[in-house]
Amino acid sequence: MYNFTCVKIIFLLLVLISISGAIDLEPWNVPYAVEGTYKINDDSSGLPIAKVKLWIKRDTLYGLVQETYDKNINENPICTQCDGLLKNKPIVGMRFLWGFVEKNDQWVKGKVLDLQNRKIYKADINLSGDENELIVFSYVNFIVKVGRTQKWVKEK
């Protein structure tokens, strides 16, 4: 009887050690690495367009415009060119990215408001290997995906 109790205790300790080792693997680390503040630059000029913040809520990725850098418009620009619910809303504080779900270490099936032409596009987002940039492919869906790729730089 005494030996059987010792075997149970040893088995329980081995199970606990195995579980604690598995906890250190952090399989949830990759999806949440996209959260943070990013600077979006103009593709052609390289000048900054906006500073945005990305976060995850209920396994869905969202983004909010924190600041715009266009010197030709007033301090808090209004999205007069936007359609639908975004029309005539302030751009700073606007949710410009929504609906992304994580699949195979990338964020897919979301939508993004292009802050330059004020049109909404479907998009896919990948985190760069060094986790300092987001590669954002925004597109329209004809027979194939036609669009452009931007790199958003993570602020430290």
N, C-alpha and C. Protein backbone atom coordinates (compact mmCIF):
# COMPACT_ATOMS: atom_id res chain seq x y z
N MET A 1 0.83 -1.20 0.00
CA MET A 1 0.00 0.00 0.00
C MET A 1 0.86 1.25 0.00
N TYR A 2 1.92 1.24 0.80
CA TYR A 2 2.81 2.38 0.88
C TYR A 2 3.50 2.65 -0.46
N ASN A 3 3.95 1.63 -1.16
CA ASN A 3 4.62 1.77 -2.45
C ASN A 3 3.69 2.35 -3.52
N PHE A 4 2.41 1.94 -3.48
CA PHE A 4 1.45 2.44 -4.45
C PHE A 4 1.24 3.95 -4.30
N THR A 5 1.21 4.47 -3.07
CA THR A 5 1.06 5.90 -2.82
C THR A 5 2.29 6.66 -3.32
N CYS A 6 3.47 6.11 -3.12
CA CYS A 6 4.70 6.76 -3.63
C CYS A 6 4.70 6.84 -5.15
N VAL A 7 4.24 5.78 -5.79
CA VAL A 7 4.17 5.78 -7.26
C VAL A 7 3.20 6.86 -7.74
N LYS A 8 2.06 7.01 -7.07
CA LYS A 8 1.10 8.06 -7.44
C LYS A 8 1.72 9.45 -7.31
N ILE A 9 2.44 9.68 -6.24
CA ILE A 9 3.05 11.00 -6.00
C ILE A 9 4.12 11.27 -7.06
N ILE A 10 4.93 10.29 -7.35
CA ILE A 10 5.97 10.47 -8.39
C ILE A 10 5.33 10.73 -9.74
N PHE A 11 4.27 10.00 -10.08
CA PHE A 11 3.56 10.20 -11.34
C PHE A 11 2.98 11.62 -11.42
N LEU A 12 2.38 12.06 -10.33
CA LEU A 12 1.80 13.41 -10.29
C LEU A 12 2.88 14.47 -10.47
N LEU A 13 4.03 14.31 -9.83
CA LEU A 13 5.13 15.25 -9.99
C LEU A 13 5.63 15.29 -11.43
N LEU A 14 5.74 14.13 -12.06
CA LEU A 14 6.18 14.09 -13.47
C LEU A 14 5.18 14.81 -14.39
N VAL A 15 3.90 14.62 -14.11
CA VAL A 15 2.87 15.30 -14.91
C VAL A 15 2.98 16.82 -14.74
N LEU A 16 3.15 17.27 -13.50
CA LEU A 16 3.26 18.71 -13.24
C LEU A 16 4.51 19.30 -13.90
N ILE A 17 5.61 18.59 -13.88
CA ILE A 17 6.84 19.07 -14.53
C ILE A 17 6.63 19.15 -16.04
N SER A 18 5.95 18.17 -16.62
CA SER A 18 5.68 18.18 -18.07
C SER A 18 4.80 19.36 -18.45
N ILE A 19 3.77 19.61 -17.65
CA ILE A 19 2.86 20.72 -17.93
C ILE A 19 3.59 22.06 -17.82
N SER A 20 4.43 22.22 -16.80
CA SER A 20 5.14 23.50 -16.65
C SER A 20 6.10 23.73 -17.81
N GLY A 21 6.69 22.68 -18.35
CA GLY A 21 7.56 22.82 -19.52
C GLY A 21 6.77 23.22 -20.76
N ALA A 22 5.57 22.70 -20.91
CA ALA A 22 4.73 23.03 -22.06
C ALA A 22 4.24 24.47 -21.99
N ILE A 23 4.03 24.98 -20.77
CA ILE A 23 3.56 26.36 -20.61
C ILE A 23 4.60 27.35 -21.12
N ASP A 24 5.88 27.05 -20.99
CA ASP A 24 6.94 27.96 -21.42
C ASP A 24 7.01 28.11 -22.93
N LEU A 25 6.35 27.25 -23.70
CA LEU A 25 6.43 27.33 -25.16
C LEU A 25 5.68 28.53 -25.72
N GLU A 26 4.67 29.03 -25.03
CA GLU A 26 3.88 30.19 -25.43
C GLU A 26 3.43 30.15 -26.89
N PRO A 27 2.57 29.23 -27.27
CA PRO A 27 2.13 29.15 -28.66
C PRO A 27 1.29 30.35 -29.08
N TRP A 28 0.80 31.13 -28.13
CA TRP A 28 -0.04 32.29 -28.44
C TRP A 28 0.80 33.53 -28.71
N ASN A 29 2.09 33.45 -28.64
CA ASN A 29 2.96 34.62 -28.77
C ASN A 29 2.93 35.23 -30.17
N VAL A 30 2.90 34.44 -31.22
CA VAL A 30 2.98 34.95 -32.59
C VAL A 30 1.81 35.86 -32.95
N PRO A 31 0.54 35.44 -32.77
CA PRO A 31 -0.56 36.33 -33.16
C PRO A 31 -0.55 37.67 -32.45
N TYR A 32 -0.18 37.69 -31.17
CA TYR A 32 -0.25 38.93 -30.41
C TYR A 32 0.94 39.86 -30.66
N ALA A 33 1.94 39.39 -31.39
CA ALA A 33 3.09 40.23 -31.70
C ALA A 33 2.73 41.39 -32.62
N VAL A 34 1.58 41.32 -33.29
CA VAL A 34 1.18 42.42 -34.19
C VAL A 34 0.64 43.62 -33.43
N GLU A 35 0.25 43.42 -32.19
CA GLU A 35 -0.30 44.54 -31.42
C GLU A 35 0.78 45.60 -31.20
N GLY A 36 0.37 46.85 -31.27
CA GLY A 36 1.30 47.94 -31.02
C GLY A 36 0.99 49.15 -31.88
N THR A 37 1.93 50.08 -31.90
CA THR A 37 1.79 51.32 -32.64
C THR A 37 2.70 51.27 -33.86
N TYR A 38 2.16 51.68 -35.02
CA TYR A 38 2.89 51.63 -36.29
C TYR A 38 2.82 52.97 -36.99
N LYS A 39 3.85 53.25 -37.77
CA LYS A 39 3.85 54.43 -38.62
C LYS A 39 3.66 53.98 -40.06
N ILE A 40 2.69 54.59 -40.74
CA ILE A 40 2.42 54.30 -42.15
C ILE A 40 3.07 55.41 -42.97
N ASN A 41 3.91 55.02 -43.93
CA ASN A 41 4.59 55.97 -44.80
C ASN A 41 4.02 55.90 -46.21
N ASP A 42 4.08 57.02 -46.92
CA ASP A 42 3.67 57.08 -48.32
C ASP A 42 4.60 56.20 -49.16
N ASP A 43 4.03 55.39 -50.04
CA ASP A 43 4.82 54.48 -50.88
C ASP A 43 5.82 55.21 -51.76
N SER A 44 5.39 56.31 -52.37
CA SER A 44 6.25 56.99 -53.35
C SER A 44 7.22 57.98 -52.71
N SER A 45 6.74 58.81 -51.78
CA SER A 45 7.61 59.84 -51.21
C SER A 45 8.37 59.38 -49.97
N GLY A 46 7.84 58.38 -49.29
CA GLY A 46 8.45 57.91 -48.05
C GLY A 46 8.09 58.76 -46.83
N LEU A 47 7.31 59.82 -47.04
CA LEU A 47 6.90 60.68 -45.94
C LEU A 47 5.82 60.00 -45.09
N PRO A 48 5.81 60.26 -43.79
CA PRO A 48 4.81 59.62 -42.94
C PRO A 48 3.40 60.13 -43.23
N ILE A 49 2.44 59.21 -43.20
CA ILE A 49 1.03 59.54 -43.41
C ILE A 49 0.29 59.59 -42.08
N ALA A 50 0.51 58.54 -41.27
CA ALA A 50 -0.25 58.44 -40.01
C ALA A 50 0.46 57.52 -39.04
N LYS A 51 0.07 57.69 -37.78
CA LYS A 51 0.47 56.76 -36.73
C LYS A 51 -0.80 56.04 -36.30
N VAL A 52 -0.74 54.70 -36.26
CA VAL A 52 -1.92 53.90 -35.96
C VAL A 52 -1.61 52.91 -34.83
N LYS A 53 -2.67 52.49 -34.16
CA LYS A 53 -2.53 51.51 -33.09
C LYS A 53 -3.35 50.28 -33.44
N LEU A 54 -2.73 49.09 -33.31
CA LEU A 54 -3.42 47.83 -33.58
C LEU A 54 -3.59 47.05 -32.28
N TRP A 55 -4.73 46.39 -32.15
CA TRP A 55 -4.98 45.55 -30.98
C TRP A 55 -5.86 44.38 -31.38
N ILE A 56 -5.88 43.38 -30.50
CA ILE A 56 -6.68 42.17 -30.72
C ILE A 56 -7.75 42.11 -29.65
N LYS A 57 -8.98 41.87 -30.10
CA LYS A 57 -10.09 41.70 -29.17
C LYS A 57 -10.92 40.51 -29.67
N ARG A 58 -11.08 39.53 -28.81
CA ARG A 58 -11.84 38.31 -29.16
C ARG A 58 -11.32 37.68 -30.45
N ASP A 59 -10.01 37.51 -30.53
CA ASP A 59 -9.34 36.86 -31.67
C ASP A 59 -9.51 37.60 -32.99
N THR A 60 -9.84 38.88 -32.95
CA THR A 60 -9.98 39.70 -34.16
C THR A 60 -9.08 40.92 -34.03
N LEU A 61 -8.39 41.25 -35.13
CA LEU A 61 -7.46 42.38 -35.14
C LEU A 61 -8.18 43.65 -35.60
N TYR A 62 -7.93 44.75 -34.88
CA TYR A 62 -8.50 46.05 -35.19
C TYR A 62 -7.40 47.11 -35.21
N GLY A 63 -7.68 48.25 -35.84
CA GLY A 63 -6.73 49.34 -35.87
C GLY A 63 -7.43 50.68 -35.77
N LEU A 64 -6.74 51.64 -35.12
CA LEU A 64 -7.29 52.97 -34.87
C LEU A 64 -6.25 54.00 -35.29
N VAL A 65 -6.68 55.07 -35.94
CA VAL A 65 -5.78 56.15 -36.32
C VAL A 65 -5.53 57.02 -35.08
N GLN A 66 -4.25 57.16 -34.71
CA GLN A 66 -3.91 57.99 -33.55
C GLN A 66 -3.51 59.40 -33.95
N GLU A 67 -2.88 59.52 -35.13
CA GLU A 67 -2.36 60.82 -35.55
C GLU A 67 -2.18 60.83 -37.06
N THR A 68 -2.41 61.99 -37.68
CA THR A 68 -2.14 62.14 -39.11
C THR A 68 -1.04 63.19 -39.28
N TYR A 69 -0.30 63.08 -40.39
CA TYR A 69 0.84 63.96 -40.61
C TYR A 69 0.70 64.84 -41.85
N ASP A 70 -0.47 64.93 -42.43
CA ASP A 70 -0.66 65.73 -43.63
C ASP A 70 -0.70 67.21 -43.26
N LYS A 71 0.29 67.96 -43.68
CA LYS A 71 0.40 69.38 -43.33
C LYS A 71 -0.59 70.25 -44.11
N ASN A 72 -1.19 69.70 -45.18
CA ASN A 72 -2.10 70.49 -46.02
C ASN A 72 -3.52 70.53 -45.47
N ILE A 73 -3.80 69.76 -44.45
CA ILE A 73 -5.16 69.75 -43.90
C ILE A 73 -5.12 70.15 -42.44
N ASN A 74 -6.30 70.44 -41.90
CA ASN A 74 -6.35 70.94 -40.53
C ASN A 74 -5.94 69.87 -39.52
N GLU A 75 -5.91 70.24 -38.26
CA GLU A 75 -5.39 69.38 -37.20
C GLU A 75 -6.19 68.08 -37.04
N ASN A 76 -7.50 68.12 -37.17
CA ASN A 76 -8.32 66.93 -37.06
C ASN A 76 -9.16 66.78 -38.32
N PRO A 77 -8.59 66.17 -39.36
CA PRO A 77 -9.29 66.09 -40.64
C PRO A 77 -10.55 65.22 -40.57
N ILE A 78 -11.50 65.56 -41.42
CA ILE A 78 -12.76 64.84 -41.54
C ILE A 78 -12.70 63.99 -42.82
N CYS A 79 -13.24 62.79 -42.76
CA CYS A 79 -13.22 61.89 -43.91
C CYS A 79 -14.42 62.17 -44.82
N THR A 80 -14.32 63.24 -45.60
CA THR A 80 -15.41 63.61 -46.49
C THR A 80 -15.51 62.67 -47.69
N GLN A 81 -14.41 62.03 -48.07
CA GLN A 81 -14.41 61.12 -49.22
C GLN A 81 -14.84 59.70 -48.86
N CYS A 82 -14.95 59.40 -47.56
CA CYS A 82 -15.31 58.05 -47.13
C CYS A 82 -16.77 57.76 -47.45
N ASP A 83 -17.09 56.47 -47.51
CA ASP A 83 -18.47 56.01 -47.75
C ASP A 83 -19.06 55.44 -46.46
N GLY A 84 -20.37 55.31 -46.45
CA GLY A 84 -21.06 54.61 -45.38
C GLY A 84 -20.94 55.28 -44.03
N LEU A 85 -20.72 54.46 -43.00
CA LEU A 85 -20.67 54.97 -41.62
C LEU A 85 -19.46 55.84 -41.35
N LEU A 86 -18.43 55.76 -42.17
CA LEU A 86 -17.21 56.55 -41.95
C LEU A 86 -17.30 57.96 -42.55
N LYS A 87 -18.29 58.19 -43.39
CA LYS A 87 -18.42 59.49 -44.07
C LYS A 87 -18.59 60.61 -43.06
N ASN A 88 -17.79 61.68 -43.26
CA ASN A 88 -17.82 62.90 -42.45
C ASN A 88 -17.45 62.67 -40.97
N LYS A 89 -16.71 61.62 -40.70
CA LYS A 89 -16.23 61.34 -39.34
C LYS A 89 -14.78 61.80 -39.23
N PRO A 90 -14.34 62.20 -38.03
CA PRO A 90 -12.94 62.58 -37.85
C PRO A 90 -12.02 61.37 -38.09
N ILE A 91 -10.92 61.61 -38.79
CA ILE A 91 -9.98 60.52 -39.09
C ILE A 91 -9.20 60.12 -37.84
N VAL A 92 -8.76 61.10 -37.07
CA VAL A 92 -8.06 60.77 -35.82
C VAL A 92 -9.09 60.17 -34.86
N GLY A 93 -8.81 58.98 -34.37
CA GLY A 93 -9.74 58.26 -33.52
C GLY A 93 -10.62 57.28 -34.28
N MET A 94 -10.51 57.27 -35.61
CA MET A 94 -11.33 56.41 -36.44
C MET A 94 -10.78 54.98 -36.45
N ARG A 95 -11.67 53.99 -36.38
CA ARG A 95 -11.29 52.60 -36.57
C ARG A 95 -11.17 52.38 -38.07
N PHE A 96 -9.95 52.26 -38.56
CA PHE A 96 -9.70 52.18 -39.99
C PHE A 96 -9.37 50.76 -40.46
N LEU A 97 -9.25 49.83 -39.53
CA LEU A 97 -8.87 48.46 -39.84
C LEU A 97 -9.71 47.55 -38.95
N TRP A 98 -10.37 46.54 -39.54
CA TRP A 98 -11.25 45.70 -38.73
C TRP A 98 -11.45 44.33 -39.39
N GLY A 99 -11.89 43.39 -38.57
CA GLY A 99 -12.34 42.09 -39.07
C GLY A 99 -11.27 41.07 -39.40
N PHE A 100 -10.02 41.30 -39.06
CA PHE A 100 -8.95 40.36 -39.39
C PHE A 100 -8.95 39.19 -38.41
N VAL A 101 -8.82 37.97 -38.95
CA VAL A 101 -8.69 36.78 -38.12
C VAL A 101 -7.35 36.13 -38.40
N GLU A 102 -6.78 35.49 -37.38
CA GLU A 102 -5.47 34.88 -37.51
C GLU A 102 -5.60 33.49 -38.13
N LYS A 103 -4.78 33.24 -39.16
CA LYS A 103 -4.77 31.94 -39.82
C LYS A 103 -3.35 31.67 -40.29
N ASN A 104 -2.74 30.61 -39.78
CA ASN A 104 -1.39 30.21 -40.18
C ASN A 104 -0.39 31.35 -40.04
N ASP A 105 -0.37 32.01 -38.89
CA ASP A 105 0.57 33.08 -38.57
C ASP A 105 0.43 34.32 -39.45
N GLN A 106 -0.73 34.53 -40.05
CA GLN A 106 -1.00 35.80 -40.73
C GLN A 106 -2.43 36.19 -40.43
N TRP A 107 -2.74 37.45 -40.66
CA TRP A 107 -4.08 37.98 -40.39
C TRP A 107 -4.78 38.17 -41.73
N VAL A 108 -5.96 37.56 -41.90
CA VAL A 108 -6.64 37.52 -43.18
C VAL A 108 -8.11 37.92 -43.04
N LYS A 109 -8.73 38.12 -44.21
CA LYS A 109 -10.17 38.38 -44.33
C LYS A 109 -10.64 39.63 -43.60
N GLY A 110 -9.78 40.64 -43.55
CA GLY A 110 -10.16 41.88 -42.92
C GLY A 110 -10.34 42.98 -43.93
N LYS A 111 -10.66 44.14 -43.44
CA LYS A 111 -10.83 45.32 -44.30
C LYS A 111 -10.02 46.47 -43.72
N VAL A 112 -9.56 47.35 -44.62
CA VAL A 112 -8.75 48.48 -44.22
C VAL A 112 -9.16 49.70 -45.05
N LEU A 113 -9.21 50.84 -44.39
CA LEU A 113 -9.46 52.10 -45.08
C LEU A 113 -8.11 52.66 -45.50
N ASP A 114 -7.92 52.85 -46.79
CA ASP A 114 -6.68 53.45 -47.29
C ASP A 114 -6.71 54.92 -46.89
N LEU A 115 -5.76 55.34 -46.08
CA LEU A 115 -5.77 56.70 -45.54
C LEU A 115 -5.39 57.75 -46.56
N GLN A 116 -4.93 57.33 -47.75
CA GLN A 116 -4.60 58.30 -48.78
C GLN A 116 -5.77 58.54 -49.73
N ASN A 117 -6.42 57.48 -50.22
CA ASN A 117 -7.52 57.69 -51.17
C ASN A 117 -8.90 57.52 -50.54
N ARG A 118 -8.94 57.17 -49.25
CA ARG A 118 -10.18 57.05 -48.45
C ARG A 118 -11.13 55.97 -48.98
N LYS A 119 -10.59 54.91 -49.59
CA LYS A 119 -11.40 53.78 -50.06
C LYS A 119 -11.13 52.57 -49.17
N ILE A 120 -12.14 51.72 -49.04
CA ILE A 120 -12.02 50.52 -48.22
C ILE A 120 -11.63 49.34 -49.10
N TYR A 121 -10.61 48.58 -48.65
CA TYR A 121 -10.13 47.42 -49.39
C TYR A 121 -10.10 46.20 -48.48
N LYS A 122 -10.16 45.02 -49.09
CA LYS A 122 -9.87 43.80 -48.37
C LYS A 122 -8.36 43.77 -48.18
N ALA A 123 -7.89 43.05 -47.15
CA ALA A 123 -6.44 43.03 -46.92
C ALA A 123 -6.02 41.77 -46.16
N ASP A 124 -4.74 41.46 -46.30
CA ASP A 124 -4.06 40.42 -45.54
C ASP A 124 -2.84 41.07 -44.89
N ILE A 125 -2.50 40.64 -43.69
CA ILE A 125 -1.39 41.25 -42.95
C ILE A 125 -0.45 40.15 -42.48
N ASN A 126 0.85 40.35 -42.72
CA ASN A 126 1.89 39.45 -42.24
C ASN A 126 2.87 40.23 -41.39
N LEU A 127 3.36 39.61 -40.34
CA LEU A 127 4.38 40.20 -39.50
C LEU A 127 5.74 39.81 -40.07
N SER A 128 6.65 40.78 -40.19
CA SER A 128 7.99 40.48 -40.70
C SER A 128 8.72 39.56 -39.72
N GLY A 129 9.76 38.92 -40.20
CA GLY A 129 10.51 37.97 -39.39
C GLY A 129 11.09 38.59 -38.13
N ASP A 130 11.54 39.84 -38.21
CA ASP A 130 12.11 40.50 -37.03
C ASP A 130 11.04 41.18 -36.17
N GLU A 131 9.78 41.08 -36.57
CA GLU A 131 8.62 41.63 -35.86
C GLU A 131 8.66 43.15 -35.74
N ASN A 132 9.38 43.83 -36.65
CA ASN A 132 9.44 45.30 -36.64
C ASN A 132 8.58 45.94 -37.71
N GLU A 133 8.03 45.15 -38.62
CA GLU A 133 7.22 45.68 -39.70
C GLU A 133 6.01 44.78 -39.93
N LEU A 134 4.94 45.41 -40.41
CA LEU A 134 3.80 44.66 -40.92
C LEU A 134 3.80 44.80 -42.42
N ILE A 135 3.61 43.70 -43.12
CA ILE A 135 3.47 43.73 -44.57
C ILE A 135 1.98 43.64 -44.84
N VAL A 136 1.39 44.73 -45.33
CA VAL A 136 -0.05 44.84 -45.53
C VAL A 136 -0.34 44.81 -47.02
N PHE A 137 -1.05 43.76 -47.46
CA PHE A 137 -1.44 43.63 -48.86
C PHE A 137 -2.93 43.95 -48.95
N SER A 138 -3.25 45.14 -49.49
CA SER A 138 -4.65 45.53 -49.67
C SER A 138 -5.02 45.30 -51.13
N TYR A 139 -6.24 44.81 -51.36
CA TYR A 139 -6.58 44.37 -52.70
C TYR A 139 -8.08 44.46 -52.97
N VAL A 140 -8.40 44.35 -54.27
CA VAL A 140 -9.76 44.12 -54.71
C VAL A 140 -9.74 42.73 -55.33
N ASN A 141 -10.86 42.05 -55.24
CA ASN A 141 -10.93 40.67 -55.71
C ASN A 141 -11.65 40.61 -57.05
N PHE A 142 -10.89 40.47 -58.11
CA PHE A 142 -11.49 40.16 -59.41
C PHE A 142 -11.35 38.66 -59.56
N ILE A 143 -10.76 38.18 -60.62
CA ILE A 143 -10.48 36.75 -60.76
C ILE A 143 -9.32 36.39 -59.84
N VAL A 144 -8.36 37.31 -59.73
CA VAL A 144 -7.23 37.15 -58.81
C VAL A 144 -7.18 38.40 -57.93
N LYS A 145 -6.40 38.33 -56.87
CA LYS A 145 -6.24 39.49 -56.00
C LYS A 145 -5.34 40.52 -56.68
N VAL A 146 -5.86 41.73 -56.87
CA VAL A 146 -5.10 42.82 -57.48
C VAL A 146 -5.00 43.93 -56.44
N GLY A 147 -3.77 44.34 -56.12
CA GLY A 147 -3.63 45.37 -55.12
C GLY A 147 -2.21 45.84 -54.94
N ARG A 148 -1.91 46.35 -53.75
CA ARG A 148 -0.57 46.84 -53.46
C ARG A 148 -0.15 46.40 -52.07
N THR A 149 1.16 46.42 -51.87
CA THR A 149 1.73 46.02 -50.59
C THR A 149 2.39 47.23 -49.94
N GLN A 150 2.11 47.43 -48.67
CA GLN A 150 2.74 48.49 -47.88
C GLN A 150 3.47 47.87 -46.71
N LYS A 151 4.50 48.55 -46.24
CA LYS A 151 5.19 48.15 -45.02
C LYS A 151 4.92 49.20 -43.96
N TRP A 152 4.40 48.75 -42.84
CA TRP A 152 4.15 49.63 -41.71
C TRP A 152 5.24 49.35 -40.68
N VAL A 153 5.88 50.39 -40.18
CA VAL A 153 7.01 50.25 -39.27
C VAL A 153 6.53 50.38 -37.83
N LYS A 154 6.90 49.40 -37.01
CA LYS A 154 6.50 49.39 -35.61
C LYS A 154 7.32 50.41 -34.83
N GLU A 155 6.63 51.19 -34.00
CA GLU A 155 7.32 52.16 -33.16
C GLU A 155 7.73 51.48 -31.87
N LYS A 156 8.87 51.88 -31.38
CA LYS A 156 9.39 51.25 -30.16
C LYS A 156 9.03 52.05 -28.93
